[in-house]
PDB file of N, CA and C in Angstrom:
ATOM      1  N   UNK A   1      82.243 111.986 116.311  1.00  0.00           N
ATOM      2  CA  UNK A   1      82.402 111.102 115.189  1.00  0.00           C
ATOM      3  C   UNK A   1      81.408 109.954 115.341  1.00  0.00           C
ATOM      4  N   UNK A   2      80.768 109.599 114.255  1.00  0.00           N
ATOM      5  CA  UNK A   2      79.836 108.478 114.278  1.00  0.00           C
ATOM      6  C   UNK A   2      80.549 107.222 113.791  1.00  0.00           C
ATOM      7  N   UNK A   3      80.424 106.161 114.584  1.00  0.00           N
ATOM      8  CA  UNK A   3      80.966 104.869 114.177  1.00  0.00           C
ATOM      9  C   UNK A   3      79.932 103.794 114.489  1.00  0.00           C
ATOM     10  N   UNK A   4      80.021 102.711 113.768  1.00  0.00           N
ATOM     11  CA  UNK A   4      79.121 101.592 114.025  1.00  0.00           C
ATOM     12  C   UNK A   4      79.636 100.794 115.218  1.00  0.00           C
ATOM     13  N   UNK A   5      78.706 100.161 115.899  1.00  0.00           N
ATOM     14  CA  UNK A   5      79.061  99.330 117.043  1.00  0.00           C
ATOM     15  C   UNK A   5      80.075  98.265 116.621  1.00  0.00           C
ATOM     16  N   UNK A   6      79.949  97.735 115.420  1.00  0.00           N
ATOM     17  CA  UNK A   6      80.893  96.737 114.909  1.00  0.00           C
ATOM     18  C   UNK A   6      82.336  97.253 114.987  1.00  0.00           C
ATOM     19  N   UNK A   7      82.546  98.498 114.592  1.00  0.00           N
ATOM     20  CA  UNK A   7      83.884  99.099 114.610  1.00  0.00           C
ATOM     21  C   UNK A   7      84.376  99.228 116.051  1.00  0.00           C
ATOM     22  N   UNK A   8      83.491  99.627 116.926  1.00  0.00           N
ATOM     23  CA  UNK A   8      83.823  99.760 118.335  1.00  0.00           C
ATOM     24  C   UNK A   8      84.299  98.415 118.896  1.00  0.00           C
ATOM     25  N   UNK A   9      83.602  97.343 118.551  1.00  0.00           N
ATOM     26  CA  UNK A   9      83.961  96.000 119.012  1.00  0.00           C
ATOM     27  C   UNK A   9      85.317  95.588 118.433  1.00  0.00           C
ATOM     28  N   UNK A  10      85.563  95.914 117.183  1.00  0.00           N
ATOM     29  CA  UNK A  10      86.842  95.584 116.547  1.00  0.00           C
ATOM     30  C   UNK A  10      88.001  96.372 117.160  1.00  0.00           C
ATOM     31  N   UNK A  11      87.742  97.614 117.540  1.00  0.00           N
ATOM     32  CA  UNK A  11      88.796  98.480 118.061  1.00  0.00           C
ATOM     33  C   UNK A  11      89.266  98.087 119.456  1.00  0.00           C
ATOM     34  N   UNK A  12      88.373  97.546 120.265  1.00  0.00           N
ATOM     35  CA  UNK A  12      88.685  97.311 121.674  1.00  0.00           C
ATOM     36  C   UNK A  12      89.962  96.493 121.894  1.00  0.00           C
ATOM     37  N   UNK A  13      90.111  95.297 121.314  1.00  0.00           N
ATOM     38  CA  UNK A  13      91.344  94.543 121.591  1.00  0.00           C
ATOM     39  C   UNK A  13      92.602  95.227 121.053  1.00  0.00           C
ATOM     40  N   UNK A  14      92.469  95.933 119.946  1.00  0.00           N
ATOM     41  CA  UNK A  14      93.627  96.635 119.379  1.00  0.00           C
ATOM     42  C   UNK A  14      94.050  97.802 120.268  1.00  0.00           C
ATOM     43  N   UNK A  15      93.090  98.510 120.829  1.00  0.00           N
ATOM     44  CA  UNK A  15      93.411  99.602 121.765  1.00  0.00           C
ATOM     45  C   UNK A  15      94.039  99.050 123.038  1.00  0.00           C
ATOM     46  N   UNK A  16      93.528  97.917 123.518  1.00  0.00           N
ATOM     47  CA  UNK A  16      94.102  97.314 124.714  1.00  0.00           C
ATOM     48  C   UNK A  16      95.547  96.879 124.462  1.00  0.00           C
ATOM     49  N   UNK A  17      95.814  96.390 123.272  1.00  0.00           N
ATOM     50  CA  UNK A  17      97.173  96.006 122.912  1.00  0.00           C
ATOM     51  C   UNK A  17      98.068  97.245 122.840  1.00  0.00           C
ATOM     52  N   UNK A  18      97.527  98.324 122.256  1.00  0.00           N
ATOM     53  CA  UNK A  18      98.295  99.553 122.109  1.00  0.00           C
ATOM     54  C   UNK A  18      98.638 100.166 123.454  1.00  0.00           C
ATOM     55  N   UNK A  19      97.713 100.156 124.388  1.00  0.00           N
ATOM     56  CA  UNK A  19      97.946 100.810 125.680  1.00  0.00           C
ATOM     57  C   UNK A  19      98.989 100.060 126.504  1.00  0.00           C
ATOM     58  N   UNK A  20      99.241  98.800 126.187  1.00  0.00           N
ATOM     59  CA  UNK A  20     100.273  98.050 126.913  1.00  0.00           C
ATOM     60  C   UNK A  20     101.672  98.286 126.344  1.00  0.00           C
ATOM     61  N   UNK A  21     101.729  98.954 125.199  1.00  0.00           N
ATOM     62  CA  UNK A  21     103.022  99.249 124.569  1.00  0.00           C
ATOM     63  C   UNK A  21     103.702 100.406 125.315  1.00  0.00           C
ATOM     64  N   UNK A  22     104.976 100.509 125.117  1.00  0.00           N
ATOM     65  CA  UNK A  22     105.738 101.612 125.705  1.00  0.00           C
ATOM     66  C   UNK A  22     105.645 102.803 124.749  1.00  0.00           C
ATOM     67  N   UNK A  23     104.549 103.552 124.874  1.00  0.00           N
ATOM     68  CA  UNK A  23     104.305 104.695 123.993  1.00  0.00           C
ATOM     69  C   UNK A  23     104.511 105.992 124.770  1.00  0.00           C
ATOM     70  N   UNK A  24     104.771 107.087 124.063  1.00  0.00           N
ATOM     71  CA  UNK A  24     104.961 108.373 124.743  1.00  0.00           C
ATOM     72  C   UNK A  24     103.755 108.737 125.621  1.00  0.00           C
ATOM     73  N   UNK A  25     104.012 109.451 126.685  1.00  0.00           N
ATOM     74  CA  UNK A  25     102.979 109.761 127.674  1.00  0.00           C
ATOM     75  C   UNK A  25     101.784 110.500 127.055  1.00  0.00           C
ATOM     76  N   UNK A  26     102.028 111.428 126.158  1.00  0.00           N
ATOM     77  CA  UNK A  26     100.934 112.168 125.526  1.00  0.00           C
ATOM     78  C   UNK A  26     100.041 111.225 124.719  1.00  0.00           C
ATOM     79  N   UNK A  27     100.654 110.307 124.022  1.00  0.00           N
ATOM     80  CA  UNK A  27      99.906 109.336 123.233  1.00  0.00           C
ATOM     81  C   UNK A  27      99.155 108.379 124.154  1.00  0.00           C
ATOM     82  N   UNK A  28      99.800 107.944 125.214  1.00  0.00           N
ATOM     83  CA  UNK A  28      99.152 107.052 126.186  1.00  0.00           C
ATOM     84  C   UNK A  28      97.916 107.719 126.784  1.00  0.00           C
ATOM     85  N   UNK A  29      98.016 109.020 127.028  1.00  0.00           N
ATOM     86  CA  UNK A  29      96.876 109.765 127.562  1.00  0.00           C
ATOM     87  C   UNK A  29      95.723 109.748 126.564  1.00  0.00           C
ATOM     88  N   UNK A  30      96.022 110.007 125.294  1.00  0.00           N
ATOM     89  CA  UNK A  30      94.982 110.002 124.254  1.00  0.00           C
ATOM     90  C   UNK A  30      94.341 108.622 124.125  1.00  0.00           C
ATOM     91  N   UNK A  31      95.174 107.596 124.139  1.00  0.00           N
ATOM     92  CA  UNK A  31      94.658 106.231 124.016  1.00  0.00           C
ATOM     93  C   UNK A  31      93.794 105.883 125.227  1.00  0.00           C
ATOM     94  N   UNK A  32      94.270 106.220 126.410  1.00  0.00           N
ATOM     95  CA  UNK A  32      93.502 105.961 127.627  1.00  0.00           C
ATOM     96  C   UNK A  32      92.162 106.665 127.627  1.00  0.00           C
ATOM     97  N   UNK A  33      92.164 107.900 127.176  1.00  0.00           N
ATOM     98  CA  UNK A  33      90.926 108.671 127.104  1.00  0.00           C
ATOM     99  C   UNK A  33      89.962 108.042 126.094  1.00  0.00           C
ATOM    100  N   UNK A  34      90.500 107.594 124.978  1.00  0.00           N
ATOM    101  CA  UNK A  34      89.682 106.946 123.956  1.00  0.00           C
ATOM    102  C   UNK A  34      89.088 105.645 124.492  1.00  0.00           C
ATOM    103  N   UNK A  35      89.888 104.865 125.188  1.00  0.00           N
ATOM    104  CA  UNK A  35      89.391 103.617 125.770  1.00  0.00           C
ATOM    105  C   UNK A  35      88.245 103.907 126.731  1.00  0.00           C
ATOM    106  N   UNK A  36      88.400 104.934 127.538  1.00  0.00           N
ATOM    107  CA  UNK A  36      87.358 105.289 128.512  1.00  0.00           C
ATOM    108  C   UNK A  36      86.041 105.650 127.800  1.00  0.00           C
ATOM    109  N   UNK A  37      86.136 106.410 126.733  1.00  0.00           N
ATOM    110  CA  UNK A  37      84.942 106.803 125.974  1.00  0.00           C
ATOM    111  C   UNK A  37      84.294 105.571 125.334  1.00  0.00           C
ATOM    112  N   UNK A  38      85.113 104.728 124.725  1.00  0.00           N
ATOM    113  CA  UNK A  38      84.590 103.540 124.047  1.00  0.00           C
ATOM    114  C   UNK A  38      84.006 102.527 125.025  1.00  0.00           C
ATOM    115  N   UNK A  39      84.571 102.458 126.207  1.00  0.00           N
ATOM    116  CA  UNK A  39      84.127 101.477 127.198  1.00  0.00           C
ATOM    117  C   UNK A  39      82.654 101.675 127.573  1.00  0.00           C
ATOM    118  N   UNK A  40      82.222 102.914 127.674  1.00  0.00           N
ATOM    119  CA  UNK A  40      80.813 103.188 127.998  1.00  0.00           C
ATOM    120  C   UNK A  40      79.892 102.608 126.935  1.00  0.00           C
ATOM    121  N   UNK A  41      80.217 102.838 125.677  1.00  0.00           N
ATOM    122  CA  UNK A  41      79.404 102.309 124.584  1.00  0.00           C
ATOM    123  C   UNK A  41      79.507 100.786 124.514  1.00  0.00           C
ATOM    124  N   UNK A  42      80.691 100.263 124.808  1.00  0.00           N
ATOM    125  CA  UNK A  42      80.906  98.814 124.764  1.00  0.00           C
ATOM    126  C   UNK A  42      80.045  98.114 125.818  1.00  0.00           C
ATOM    127  N   UNK A  43      79.909  98.714 126.979  1.00  0.00           N
ATOM    128  CA  UNK A  43      79.066  98.141 128.034  1.00  0.00           C
ATOM    129  C   UNK A  43      77.614  98.054 127.588  1.00  0.00           C
ATOM    130  N   UNK A  44      77.132  99.084 126.899  1.00  0.00           N
ATOM    131  CA  UNK A  44      75.759  99.075 126.387  1.00  0.00           C
ATOM    132  C   UNK A  44      75.604  97.958 125.358  1.00  0.00           C
ATOM    133  N   UNK A  45      76.610  97.809 124.494  1.00  0.00           N
ATOM    134  CA  UNK A  45      76.598  96.727 123.494  1.00  0.00           C
ATOM    135  C   UNK A  45      76.544  95.365 124.179  1.00  0.00           C
ATOM    136  N   UNK A  46      77.403  95.145 125.168  1.00  0.00           N
ATOM    137  CA  UNK A  46      77.449  93.859 125.864  1.00  0.00           C
ATOM    138  C   UNK A  46      76.117  93.542 126.539  1.00  0.00           C
ATOM    139  N   UNK A  47      75.513  94.530 127.172  1.00  0.00           N
ATOM    140  CA  UNK A  47      74.222  94.329 127.829  1.00  0.00           C
ATOM    141  C   UNK A  47      73.146  93.984 126.792  1.00  0.00           C
ATOM    142  N   UNK A  48      73.151  94.671 125.668  1.00  0.00           N
ATOM    143  CA  UNK A  48      72.180  94.388 124.602  1.00  0.00           C
ATOM    144  C   UNK A  48      72.385  92.981 124.051  1.00  0.00           C
ATOM    145  N   UNK A  49      73.628  92.583 123.907  1.00  0.00           N
ATOM    146  CA  UNK A  49      73.937  91.240 123.406  1.00  0.00           C
ATOM    147  C   UNK A  49      73.473  90.180 124.412  1.00  0.00           C
ATOM    148  N   UNK A  50      73.679  90.429 125.693  1.00  0.00           N
ATOM    149  CA  UNK A  50      73.213  89.496 126.733  1.00  0.00           C
ATOM    150  C   UNK A  50      71.701  89.319 126.659  1.00  0.00           C
ATOM    151  N   UNK A  51      71.002  90.429 126.439  1.00  0.00           N
ATOM    152  CA  UNK A  51      69.541  90.357 126.336  1.00  0.00           C
ATOM    153  C   UNK A  51      69.112  89.504 125.148  1.00  0.00           C
ATOM    154  N   UNK A  52      69.837  89.618 124.030  1.00  0.00           N
ATOM    155  CA  UNK A  52      69.530  88.785 122.872  1.00  0.00           C
ATOM    156  C   UNK A  52      69.749  87.308 123.191  1.00  0.00           C
ATOM    157  N   UNK A  53      70.828  86.989 123.903  1.00  0.00           N
ATOM    158  CA  UNK A  53      71.080  85.604 124.282  1.00  0.00           C
ATOM    159  C   UNK A  53      69.962  85.078 125.182  1.00  0.00           C
ATOM    160  N   UNK A  54      69.511  85.912 126.119  1.00  0.00           N
ATOM    161  CA  UNK A  54      68.422  85.482 127.006  1.00  0.00           C
ATOM    162  C   UNK A  54      67.116  85.308 126.231  1.00  0.00           C
ATOM    163  N   UNK A  55      66.875  86.196 125.292  1.00  0.00           N
ATOM    164  CA  UNK A  55      65.641  86.151 124.510  1.00  0.00           C
ATOM    165  C   UNK A  55      65.579  84.912 123.618  1.00  0.00           C
ATOM    166  N   UNK A  56      66.687  84.585 122.959  1.00  0.00           N
ATOM    167  CA  UNK A  56      66.685  83.514 121.956  1.00  0.00           C
ATOM    168  C   UNK A  56      67.381  82.234 122.412  1.00  0.00           C
ATOM    169  N   UNK A  57      67.910  82.235 123.613  1.00  0.00           N
ATOM    170  CA  UNK A  57      68.679  81.082 124.048  1.00  0.00           C
ATOM    171  C   UNK A  57      68.054  80.361 125.218  1.00  0.00           C
ATOM    172  N   UNK A  58      68.772  79.346 125.631  1.00  0.00           N
ATOM    173  CA  UNK A  58      68.385  78.596 126.819  1.00  0.00           C
ATOM    174  C   UNK A  58      69.666  78.196 127.537  1.00  0.00           C
ATOM    175  N   UNK A  59      69.550  77.980 128.825  1.00  0.00           N
ATOM    176  CA  UNK A  59      70.714  77.631 129.620  1.00  0.00           C
ATOM    177  C   UNK A  59      71.051  76.154 129.420  1.00  0.00           C
ATOM    178  N   UNK A  60      72.334  75.880 129.193  1.00  0.00           N
ATOM    179  CA  UNK A  60      72.742  74.475 129.045  1.00  0.00           C
ATOM    180  C   UNK A  60      73.195  73.923 130.393  1.00  0.00           C
ATOM    181  N   UNK A  61      73.706  72.720 130.402  1.00  0.00           N
ATOM    182  CA  UNK A  61      74.108  72.045 131.639  1.00  0.00           C
ATOM    183  C   UNK A  61      75.170  72.833 132.409  1.00  0.00           C
ATOM    184  N   UNK A  62      76.065  73.485 131.681  1.00  0.00           N
ATOM    185  CA  UNK A  62      77.147  74.251 132.307  1.00  0.00           C
ATOM    186  C   UNK A  62      76.691  75.603 132.839  1.00  0.00           C
ATOM    187  N   UNK A  63      75.440  75.959 132.592  1.00  0.00           N
ATOM    188  CA  UNK A  63      74.933  77.257 133.030  1.00  0.00           C
ATOM    189  C   UNK A  63      75.141  78.361 132.012  1.00  0.00           C
ATOM    190  N   UNK A  64      75.681  78.020 130.850  1.00  0.00           N
ATOM    191  CA  UNK A  64      75.880  79.002 129.776  1.00  0.00           C
ATOM    192  C   UNK A  64      74.650  79.058 128.888  1.00  0.00           C
ATOM    193  N   UNK A  65      74.425  80.210 128.297  1.00  0.00           N
ATOM    194  CA  UNK A  65      73.303  80.352 127.377  1.00  0.00           C
ATOM    195  C   UNK A  65      73.708  79.910 125.985  1.00  0.00           C
ATOM    196  N   UNK A  66      72.860  79.128 125.363  1.00  0.00           N
ATOM    197  CA  UNK A  66      73.079  78.669 123.999  1.00  0.00           C
ATOM    198  C   UNK A  66      71.833  79.015 123.190  1.00  0.00           C
ATOM    199  N   UNK A  67      72.051  79.539 121.987  1.00  0.00           N
ATOM    200  CA  UNK A  67      70.927  79.918 121.139  1.00  0.00           C
ATOM    201  C   UNK A  67      70.208  78.651 120.674  1.00  0.00           C
ATOM    202  N   UNK A  68      68.886  78.651 120.829  1.00  0.00           N
ATOM    203  CA  UNK A  68      68.087  77.516 120.372  1.00  0.00           C
ATOM    204  C   UNK A  68      68.180  77.430 118.854  1.00  0.00           C
ATOM    205  N   UNK A  69      68.224  76.207 118.364  1.00  0.00           N
ATOM    206  CA  UNK A  69      68.362  75.958 116.927  1.00  0.00           C
ATOM    207  C   UNK A  69      67.323  76.731 116.109  1.00  0.00           C
ATOM    208  N   UNK A  70      66.097  76.747 116.564  1.00  0.00           N
ATOM    209  CA  UNK A  70      65.026  77.415 115.816  1.00  0.00           C
ATOM    210  C   UNK A  70      65.124  78.940 115.857  1.00  0.00           C
ATOM    211  N   UNK A  71      65.987  79.472 116.735  1.00  0.00           N
ATOM    212  CA  UNK A  71      66.125  80.930 116.880  1.00  0.00           C
ATOM    213  C   UNK A  71      67.406  81.488 116.271  1.00  0.00           C
ATOM    214  N   UNK A  72      68.253  80.627 115.716  1.00  0.00           N
ATOM    215  CA  UNK A  72      69.561  81.087 115.226  1.00  0.00           C
ATOM    216  C   UNK A  72      69.424  82.177 114.171  1.00  0.00           C
ATOM    217  N   UNK A  73      68.531  81.995 113.216  1.00  0.00           N
ATOM    218  CA  UNK A  73      68.398  82.976 112.131  1.00  0.00           C
ATOM    219  C   UNK A  73      67.972  84.343 112.671  1.00  0.00           C
ATOM    220  N   UNK A  74      66.934  84.368 113.480  1.00  0.00           N
ATOM    221  CA  UNK A  74      66.436  85.650 113.993  1.00  0.00           C
ATOM    222  C   UNK A  74      67.445  86.267 114.974  1.00  0.00           C
ATOM    223  N   UNK A  75      68.150  85.423 115.749  1.00  0.00           N
ATOM    224  CA  UNK A  75      69.191  85.929 116.635  1.00  0.00           C
ATOM    225  C   UNK A  75      70.279  86.627 115.820  1.00  0.00           C
ATOM    226  N   UNK A  76      70.752  85.965 114.759  1.00  0.00           N
ATOM    227  CA  UNK A  76      71.793  86.552 113.910  1.00  0.00           C
ATOM    228  C   UNK A  76      71.329  87.849 113.260  1.00  0.00           C
ATOM    229  N   UNK A  77      70.066  87.918 112.862  1.00  0.00           N
ATOM    230  CA  UNK A  77      69.521  89.147 112.271  1.00  0.00           C
ATOM    231  C   UNK A  77      69.523  90.276 113.301  1.00  0.00           C
ATOM    232  N   UNK A  78      69.086  89.971 114.521  1.00  0.00           N
ATOM    233  CA  UNK A  78      69.060  90.995 115.575  1.00  0.00           C
ATOM    234  C   UNK A  78      70.474  91.409 115.977  1.00  0.00           C
ATOM    235  N   UNK A  79      71.383  90.442 116.028  1.00  0.00           N
ATOM    236  CA  UNK A  79      72.772  90.764 116.365  1.00  0.00           C
ATOM    237  C   UNK A  79      73.394  91.651 115.288  1.00  0.00           C
ATOM    238  N   UNK A  80      73.113  91.340 114.031  1.00  0.00           N
ATOM    239  CA  UNK A  80      73.618  92.160 112.916  1.00  0.00           C
ATOM    240  C   UNK A  80      73.060  93.584 113.006  1.00  0.00           C
ATOM    241  N   UNK A  81      71.785  93.696 113.358  1.00  0.00           N
ATOM    242  CA  UNK A  81      71.177  95.021 113.523  1.00  0.00           C
ATOM    243  C   UNK A  81      71.874  95.785 114.650  1.00  0.00           C
ATOM    244  N   UNK A  82      72.162  95.102 115.747  1.00  0.00           N
ATOM    245  CA  UNK A  82      72.875  95.721 116.868  1.00  0.00           C
ATOM    246  C   UNK A  82      74.257  96.201 116.435  1.00  0.00           C
ATOM    247  N   UNK A  83      74.970  95.372 115.680  1.00  0.00           N
ATOM    248  CA  UNK A  83      76.323  95.718 115.236  1.00  0.00           C
ATOM    249  C   UNK A  83      76.340  96.897 114.263  1.00  0.00           C
ATOM    250  N   UNK A  84      75.229  97.147 113.596  1.00  0.00           N
ATOM    251  CA  UNK A  84      75.165  98.232 112.616  1.00  0.00           C
ATOM    252  C   UNK A  84      74.624  99.540 113.176  1.00  0.00           C
ATOM    253  N   UNK A  85      74.306  99.567 114.456  1.00  0.00           N
ATOM    254  CA  UNK A  85      73.852 100.809 115.086  1.00  0.00           C
ATOM    255  C   UNK A  85      75.016 101.791 115.119  1.00  0.00           C
ATOM    256  N   UNK A  86      74.736 103.040 114.802  1.00  0.00           N
ATOM    257  CA  UNK A  86      75.769 104.080 114.843  1.00  0.00           C
ATOM    258  C   UNK A  86      75.728 104.783 116.189  1.00  0.00           C
ATOM    259  N   UNK A  87      76.898 104.988 116.758  1.00  0.00           N
ATOM    260  CA  UNK A  87      77.020 105.734 118.005  1.00  0.00           C
ATOM    261  C   UNK A  87      77.898 106.945 117.742  1.00  0.00           C
ATOM    262  N   UNK A  88      77.627 108.003 118.447  1.00  0.00           N
ATOM    263  CA  UNK A  88      78.380 109.244 118.282  1.00  0.00           C
ATOM    264  C   UNK A  88      79.349 109.367 119.456  1.00  0.00           C
ATOM    265  N   UNK A  89      80.633 109.296 119.150  1.00  0.00           N
ATOM    266  CA  UNK A  89      81.646 109.377 120.199  1.00  0.00           C
ATOM    267  C   UNK A  89      82.719 110.382 119.794  1.00  0.00           C
ATOM    268  N   UNK A  90      83.406 110.870 120.802  1.00  0.00           N
ATOM    269  CA  UNK A  90      84.481 111.821 120.554  1.00  0.00           C
ATOM    270  C   UNK A  90      85.811 111.092 120.634  1.00  0.00           C
ATOM    271  N   UNK A  91      86.483 111.007 119.509  1.00  0.00           N
ATOM    272  CA  UNK A  91      87.789 110.345 119.439  1.00  0.00           C
ATOM    273  C   UNK A  91      88.876 111.389 119.186  1.00  0.00           C
ATOM    274  N   UNK A  92      90.006 111.206 119.823  1.00  0.00           N
ATOM    275  CA  UNK A  92      91.156 112.062 119.550  1.00  0.00           C
ATOM    276  C   UNK A  92      92.066 111.324 118.587  1.00  0.00           C
ATOM    277  N   UNK A  93      92.282 111.899 117.439  1.00  0.00           N
ATOM    278  CA  UNK A  93      93.151 111.295 116.426  1.00  0.00           C
ATOM    279  C   UNK A  93      94.579 111.216 116.945  1.00  0.00           C
ATOM    280  N   UNK A  94      95.271 110.171 116.523  1.00  0.00           N
ATOM    281  CA  UNK A  94      96.667 109.981 116.902  1.00  0.00           C
ATOM    282  C   UNK A  94      97.484 109.874 115.618  1.00  0.00           C
ATOM    283  N   UNK A  95      98.508 110.686 115.520  1.00  0.00           N
ATOM    284  CA  UNK A  95      99.404 110.591 114.368  1.00  0.00           C
ATOM    285  C   UNK A  95     100.289 109.365 114.550  1.00  0.00           C
ATOM    286  N   UNK A  96     100.516 108.662 113.473  1.00  0.00           N
ATOM    287  CA  UNK A  96     101.329 107.448 113.542  1.00  0.00           C
ATOM    288  C   UNK A  96     102.699 107.743 114.157  1.00  0.00           C
ATOM    289  N   UNK A  97     103.267 108.893 113.851  1.00  0.00           N
ATOM    290  CA  UNK A  97     104.552 109.280 114.414  1.00  0.00           C
ATOM    291  C   UNK A  97     104.516 109.447 115.925  1.00  0.00           C
ATOM    292  N   UNK A  98     103.340 109.680 116.499  1.00  0.00           N
ATOM    293  CA  UNK A  98     103.201 109.847 117.949  1.00  0.00           C
ATOM    294  C   UNK A  98     103.256 108.516 118.699  1.00  0.00           C
ATOM    295  N   UNK A  99     103.208 107.421 117.963  1.00  0.00           N
ATOM    296  CA  UNK A  99     103.225 106.116 118.614  1.00  0.00           C
ATOM    297  C   UNK A  99     104.600 105.749 119.152  1.00  0.00           C
ATOM    298  N   UNK A 100     105.619 106.339 118.589  1.00  0.00           N
ATOM    299  CA  UNK A 100     106.976 106.024 119.006  1.00  0.00           C
ATOM    300  C   UNK A 100     107.581 104.950 118.123  1.00  0.00           C
ATOM    301  N   UNK A 101     108.876 104.953 118.054  1.00  0.00           N
ATOM    302  CA  UNK A 101     109.596 104.047 117.154  1.00  0.00           C
ATOM    303  C   UNK A 101     109.485 102.581 117.549  1.00  0.00           C
ATOM    304  N   UNK A 102     109.353 102.295 118.826  1.00  0.00           N
ATOM    305  CA  UNK A 102     109.359 100.913 119.291  1.00  0.00           C
ATOM    306  C   UNK A 102     107.973 100.270 119.342  1.00  0.00           C
ATOM    307  N   UNK A 103     106.944 101.009 118.989  1.00  0.00           N
ATOM    308  CA  UNK A 103     105.590 100.463 119.042  1.00  0.00           C
ATOM    309  C   UNK A 103     105.403  99.434 117.942  1.00  0.00           C
ATOM    310  N   UNK A 104     104.892  98.286 118.335  1.00  0.00           N
ATOM    311  CA  UNK A 104     104.686  97.211 117.377  1.00  0.00           C
ATOM    312  C   UNK A 104     103.212  96.814 117.387  1.00  0.00           C
ATOM    313  N   UNK A 105     102.591  96.962 116.230  1.00  0.00           N
ATOM    314  CA  UNK A 105     101.194  96.552 116.071  1.00  0.00           C
ATOM    315  C   UNK A 105     101.081  95.695 114.823  1.00  0.00           C
ATOM    316  N   UNK A 106     100.251  94.679 114.901  1.00  0.00           N
ATOM    317  CA  UNK A 106     100.000  93.829 113.738  1.00  0.00           C
ATOM    318  C   UNK A 106      99.157  94.600 112.726  1.00  0.00           C
ATOM    319  N   UNK A 107      99.178  94.130 111.506  1.00  0.00           N
ATOM    320  CA  UNK A 107      98.378  94.765 110.453  1.00  0.00           C
ATOM    321  C   UNK A 107      96.905  94.844 110.814  1.00  0.00           C
ATOM    322  N   UNK A 108      96.381  93.805 111.451  1.00  0.00           N
ATOM    323  CA  UNK A 108      94.957  93.808 111.830  1.00  0.00           C
ATOM    324  C   UNK A 108      94.666  94.911 112.838  1.00  0.00           C
ATOM    325  N   UNK A 109      95.636  95.189 113.720  1.00  0.00           N
ATOM    326  CA  UNK A 109      95.443  96.263 114.693  1.00  0.00           C
ATOM    327  C   UNK A 109      95.419  97.622 113.998  1.00  0.00           C
ATOM    328  N   UNK A 110      96.294  97.799 113.035  1.00  0.00           N
ATOM    329  CA  UNK A 110      96.304  99.051 112.265  1.00  0.00           C
ATOM    330  C   UNK A 110      94.976  99.215 111.526  1.00  0.00           C
ATOM    331  N   UNK A 111      94.468  98.118 110.975  1.00  0.00           N
ATOM    332  CA  UNK A 111      93.179  98.141 110.278  1.00  0.00           C
ATOM    333  C   UNK A 111      92.062  98.507 111.257  1.00  0.00           C
ATOM    334  N   UNK A 112      92.064  97.880 112.426  1.00  0.00           N
ATOM    335  CA  UNK A 112      91.015  98.131 113.413  1.00  0.00           C
ATOM    336  C   UNK A 112      91.038  99.563 113.933  1.00  0.00           C
ATOM    337  N   UNK A 113      92.219 100.164 113.938  1.00  0.00           N
ATOM    338  CA  UNK A 113      92.364 101.522 114.489  1.00  0.00           C
ATOM    339  C   UNK A 113      92.427 102.595 113.403  1.00  0.00           C
ATOM    340  N   UNK A 114      92.060 102.236 112.188  1.00  0.00           N
ATOM    341  CA  UNK A 114      92.203 103.163 111.058  1.00  0.00           C
ATOM    342  C   UNK A 114      91.497 104.496 111.253  1.00  0.00           C
ATOM    343  N   UNK A 115      90.365 104.519 111.941  1.00  0.00           N
ATOM    344  CA  UNK A 115      89.656 105.796 112.132  1.00  0.00           C
ATOM    345  C   UNK A 115      90.301 106.658 113.208  1.00  0.00           C
ATOM    346  N   UNK A 116      91.166 106.054 113.984  1.00  0.00           N
ATOM    347  CA  UNK A 116      91.827 106.751 115.081  1.00  0.00           C
ATOM    348  C   UNK A 116      93.209 107.277 114.668  1.00  0.00           C
ATOM    349  N   UNK A 117      93.862 106.567 113.762  1.00  0.00           N
ATOM    350  CA  UNK A 117      95.218 106.907 113.367  1.00  0.00           C
ATOM    351  C   UNK A 117      95.246 107.760 112.112  1.00  0.00           C
ATOM    352  N   UNK A 118      96.197 108.676 112.058  1.00  0.00           N
ATOM    353  CA  UNK A 118      96.396 109.480 110.856  1.00  0.00           C
ATOM    354  C   UNK A 118      97.886 109.651 110.603  1.00  0.00           C
ATOM    355  N   UNK A 119      98.232 109.893 109.355  1.00  0.00           N
ATOM    356  CA  UNK A 119      99.649 110.048 108.992  1.00  0.00           C
ATOM    357  C   UNK A 119     100.198 111.384 109.398  1.00  0.00           C
TER     358      UNK A 119
END
């Protein structure tokens, strides 16, 4: 399945929230496997983002990188391009009924996991 890096970034906290729930073992296995697959792509995204910060930023007093004022526009353009890159990953769909009756997710989590969940 092809998804944009933006979707991958949105899915990560929702998947982490889901895996902490008391869900059936089969579902937990699927979620864990999905997290493992996404984590590889997420690491590449994080490294690419770090490179953008180094390219367009400078270190402040605290040792953190801050984007230089004159580079904000081009940094945002490059970051947007990074977020729109499509990656091909293998996701295992999860039926909503497989989550279990006691699983509680916020609406934003359901939205973030829409490509993973099915009725």
